[in-house]
Amino acid sequence: MTDVIDAILNRASQPRLALPAPDQATLDTVFECAARAPDHALLRPWRYLVIEGQGLAALGEVFARTVDDPDNPLAGDKEKLRRSPLRAPMIIVGITCYKTHPKVPAIEQTMSSAVGLGYVSLALQSAGYGVMWRTGALAYHPLVHRALGLTEDEAIAGFLYVGTAESEKPSVPRPSVAEFVQRWPA
């Protein structure tokens, strides 16, 4: 097998992450990988935010404020939301940047952005880091979007929690290929 196939077959979400986080040289390489995502019409419908240090606490405050948002309150424990970004030493926010194009619908731009974030995840794992991709209601909340500086033409593809895995997570059973692949016509 190749290194790429090995990385994909060994990919696993890592819920317990600690320091160290990737350095700038590693991040530069990782984001170069992201830019290799399929991109119909070369729209480059993505951007990324790297959050660490005090930024994680600030993001936690933003998450906590969603509970009291008068226009769209989230159900949840404020303190738990406040602490949630502190579960990793770094968070990378993948953002889809929608562009108007006659041949490239928004869904294709969403997929391009998500593939780029997936490449970031695989590249980080290949560099020896653990990653957990999270979305949920916070990824879609307007207050979070405003706080992170998203425009009306942008959406969060995911929050990648990044760091060094504290322990090996048990392998998750995967379906056999025969369970989800068919030939057509049969």
Protein backbone atom coordinates (compact mmCIF):
# COMPACT_ATOMS: atom_id res chain seq x y z
CA MET A 1 0.00 0.00 0.00
CA THR A 2 0.98 3.64 -0.23
CA ASP A 3 1.44 6.19 2.54
CA VAL A 4 -1.80 7.89 1.46
CA ILE A 5 -3.81 4.68 1.62
CA ASP A 6 -2.26 3.79 4.98
CA ALA A 7 -3.18 7.24 6.33
CA ILE A 8 -6.77 6.89 5.18
CA LEU A 9 -7.17 3.33 6.48
CA ASN A 10 -5.72 4.34 9.86
CA ARG A 11 -7.67 7.59 10.22
CA ALA A 12 -9.50 7.86 13.51
CA SER A 13 -11.06 10.67 15.50
CA GLN A 14 -9.11 11.44 18.65
CA PRO A 15 -11.25 12.89 21.45
CA ARG A 16 -8.43 13.46 23.99
CA LEU A 17 -5.94 16.00 22.70
CA ALA A 18 -3.07 17.79 24.45
CA LEU A 19 -0.01 19.87 23.65
CA PRO A 20 1.94 20.07 21.50
CA ALA A 21 -0.11 21.40 18.62
CA PRO A 22 1.35 21.68 15.11
CA ASP A 23 3.98 24.35 14.49
CA GLN A 24 3.71 26.91 11.70
CA ALA A 25 5.80 24.92 9.21
CA THR A 26 3.52 21.91 9.68
CA LEU A 27 0.42 24.08 9.30
CA ASP A 28 1.79 25.61 6.10
CA THR A 29 2.23 22.14 4.60
CA VAL A 30 -1.18 21.02 5.84
CA PHE A 31 -2.89 24.01 4.23
CA GLU A 32 -1.00 23.38 1.00
CA CYS A 33 -2.67 19.95 1.08
CA ALA A 34 -6.07 21.58 1.62
CA ALA A 35 -5.58 23.68 -1.50
CA ARG A 36 -5.34 20.45 -3.54
CA ALA A 37 -9.03 19.66 -2.98
CA PRO A 38 -11.12 19.24 -6.14
CA ASP A 39 -12.23 22.72 -7.11
CA HIS A 40 -14.53 23.10 -10.11
CA ALA A 41 -13.75 26.37 -11.93
CA LEU A 42 -10.90 27.14 -9.50
CA LEU A 43 -13.18 29.13 -7.23
CA ARG A 44 -11.18 28.25 -4.11
CA PRO A 45 -14.35 28.28 -2.00
CA TRP A 46 -12.62 27.93 1.35
CA ARG A 47 -10.67 29.65 4.04
CA TYR A 48 -9.43 28.62 7.47
CA LEU A 49 -9.08 30.14 10.91
CA VAL A 50 -6.46 28.82 13.33
CA ILE A 51 -7.42 29.34 16.97
CA GLU A 52 -5.14 28.62 19.92
CA GLY A 53 -4.03 30.10 23.24
CA GLN A 54 -6.36 32.83 24.50
CA GLY A 55 -8.40 32.48 21.32
CA LEU A 56 -9.75 29.17 22.62
CA ALA A 57 -11.13 30.84 25.75
CA ALA A 58 -12.61 33.62 23.61
CA LEU A 59 -14.28 31.03 21.39
CA GLY A 60 -15.67 29.36 24.51
CA GLU A 61 -17.24 32.68 25.53
CA VAL A 62 -18.83 32.94 22.08
CA PHE A 63 -20.19 29.40 22.39
CA ALA A 64 -21.61 30.18 25.87
CA ARG A 65 -23.38 33.31 24.58
CA THR A 66 -25.45 31.20 22.17
CA VAL A 67 -27.53 29.96 25.14
CA ASP A 68 -28.76 33.52 25.80
CA ASP A 69 -29.12 34.59 22.16
CA PRO A 70 -32.58 36.21 22.02
CA ASP A 71 -33.04 35.40 18.32
CA ASN A 72 -31.84 31.80 18.32
CA PRO A 73 -31.08 30.41 21.80
CA LEU A 74 -29.28 27.08 21.92
CA ALA A 75 -30.23 24.55 24.51
CA GLY A 76 -27.25 23.49 26.53
CA ASP A 77 -25.09 23.96 29.55
CA LYS A 78 -23.33 27.32 29.36
CA GLU A 79 -20.27 26.14 31.29
CA LYS A 80 -19.88 23.05 29.17
CA LEU A 81 -20.07 25.17 26.02
CA ARG A 82 -17.56 27.63 27.50
CA ARG A 83 -15.08 24.82 28.19
CA SER A 84 -15.59 22.87 24.96
CA PRO A 85 -12.88 24.64 22.91
CA LEU A 86 -10.37 23.89 25.68
CA ARG A 87 -10.52 20.17 24.82
CA ALA A 88 -7.63 20.72 22.39
CA PRO A 89 -4.69 23.11 22.14
CA MET A 90 -5.75 24.21 18.65
CA ILE A 91 -8.94 24.48 16.64
CA ILE A 92 -8.96 24.93 12.89
CA VAL A 93 -12.23 26.31 11.57
CA GLY A 94 -12.94 25.33 7.96
CA ILE A 95 -15.10 27.91 6.24
CA THR A 96 -16.90 27.53 2.91
CA CYS A 97 -16.82 30.78 0.92
CA TYR A 98 -19.65 30.64 -1.62
CA LYS A 99 -19.08 32.33 -4.97
CA THR A 100 -21.70 32.95 -7.62
CA HIS A 101 -20.89 30.93 -10.72
CA PRO A 102 -23.20 29.77 -13.53
CA LYS A 103 -21.75 26.25 -13.61
CA VAL A 104 -20.77 25.61 -9.99
CA PRO A 105 -23.70 25.34 -7.57
CA ALA A 106 -23.29 25.95 -3.87
CA ILE A 107 -23.37 22.21 -3.07
CA GLU A 108 -20.24 21.64 -5.17
CA GLN A 109 -18.50 24.44 -3.29
CA THR A 110 -19.57 22.88 0.03
CA MET A 111 -18.13 19.54 -1.07
CA SER A 112 -14.86 21.15 -2.20
CA SER A 113 -14.49 22.90 1.14
CA ALA A 114 -15.27 19.71 3.06
CA VAL A 115 -12.75 17.71 1.05
CA GLY A 116 -10.12 20.36 1.81
CA LEU A 117 -10.89 20.08 5.52
CA GLY A 118 -10.65 16.30 5.21
CA TYR A 119 -7.23 16.70 3.60
CA VAL A 120 -6.19 18.92 6.53
CA SER A 121 -7.31 16.18 8.90
CA LEU A 122 -5.40 13.46 7.05
CA ALA A 123 -2.28 15.60 6.70
CA LEU A 124 -2.29 16.40 10.42
CA GLN A 125 -2.70 12.74 11.29
CA SER A 126 0.15 11.85 8.92
CA ALA A 127 2.30 14.43 10.71
CA GLY A 128 1.63 12.66 14.02
CA TYR A 129 -1.23 14.76 15.42
CA GLY A 130 -4.68 13.77 16.60
CA VAL A 131 -7.80 15.38 15.17
CA MET A 132 -11.50 15.45 16.00
CA TRP A 133 -13.90 16.99 13.44
CA ARG A 134 -16.91 18.59 15.12
CA THR A 135 -19.94 20.42 13.79
CA GLY A 136 -23.33 20.46 15.49
CA ALA A 137 -25.56 23.44 16.22
CA LEU A 138 -22.62 25.73 17.04
CA ALA A 139 -21.28 25.41 13.48
CA TYR A 140 -24.56 26.76 12.11
CA HIS A 141 -25.37 29.40 14.72
CA PRO A 142 -25.50 33.00 13.42
CA LEU A 143 -23.89 34.40 16.59
CA VAL A 144 -20.87 32.12 16.10
CA HIS A 145 -20.68 33.13 12.44
CA ARG A 146 -20.71 36.84 13.31
CA ALA A 147 -18.13 36.44 16.08
CA LEU A 148 -15.76 34.59 13.73
CA GLY A 149 -16.19 37.22 11.02
CA LEU A 150 -18.08 35.13 8.48
CA THR A 151 -19.93 36.98 5.76
CA GLU A 152 -23.45 36.14 4.60
CA ASP A 153 -21.87 34.13 1.78
CA GLU A 154 -19.94 31.85 4.12
CA ALA A 155 -20.64 28.81 6.29
CA ILE A 156 -18.65 26.70 8.71
CA ALA A 157 -17.68 23.32 7.24
CA GLY A 158 -16.34 22.11 10.56
CA PHE A 159 -14.25 22.67 13.65
CA LEU A 160 -11.11 20.53 13.68
CA TYR A 161 -9.89 20.07 17.25
CA VAL A 162 -6.14 19.43 16.91
CA GLY A 163 -3.34 18.33 19.21
CA THR A 164 -1.35 15.33 20.30
CA ALA A 165 -3.46 12.28 21.09
CA GLU A 166 -3.25 11.50 24.82
CA SER A 167 -4.02 7.81 24.30
CA GLU A 168 -4.82 5.35 21.55
CA LYS A 169 -8.51 5.17 20.85
CA PRO A 170 -9.85 1.64 20.25
CA SER A 171 -10.47 0.84 16.61
CA VAL A 172 -14.03 1.41 15.41
CA PRO A 173 -15.55 -1.48 13.44
CA ARG A 174 -16.02 -0.57 9.79
CA PRO A 175 -18.48 -2.15 7.35
CA SER A 176 -17.24 -4.51 4.70
CA VAL A 177 -16.99 -3.07 1.20
CA ALA A 178 -19.73 -5.46 0.02
CA GLU A 179 -22.18 -3.78 2.43
CA PHE A 180 -22.05 -0.40 0.68
CA VAL A 181 -20.74 -0.95 -2.87
CA GLN A 182 -22.74 -2.35 -5.78
CA ARG A 183 -22.14 -2.64 -9.50
CA TRP A 184 -24.61 -0.95 -11.83
CA PRO A 185 -26.27 -2.29 -13.82
CA ALA A 186 -26.40 -5.44 -11.76
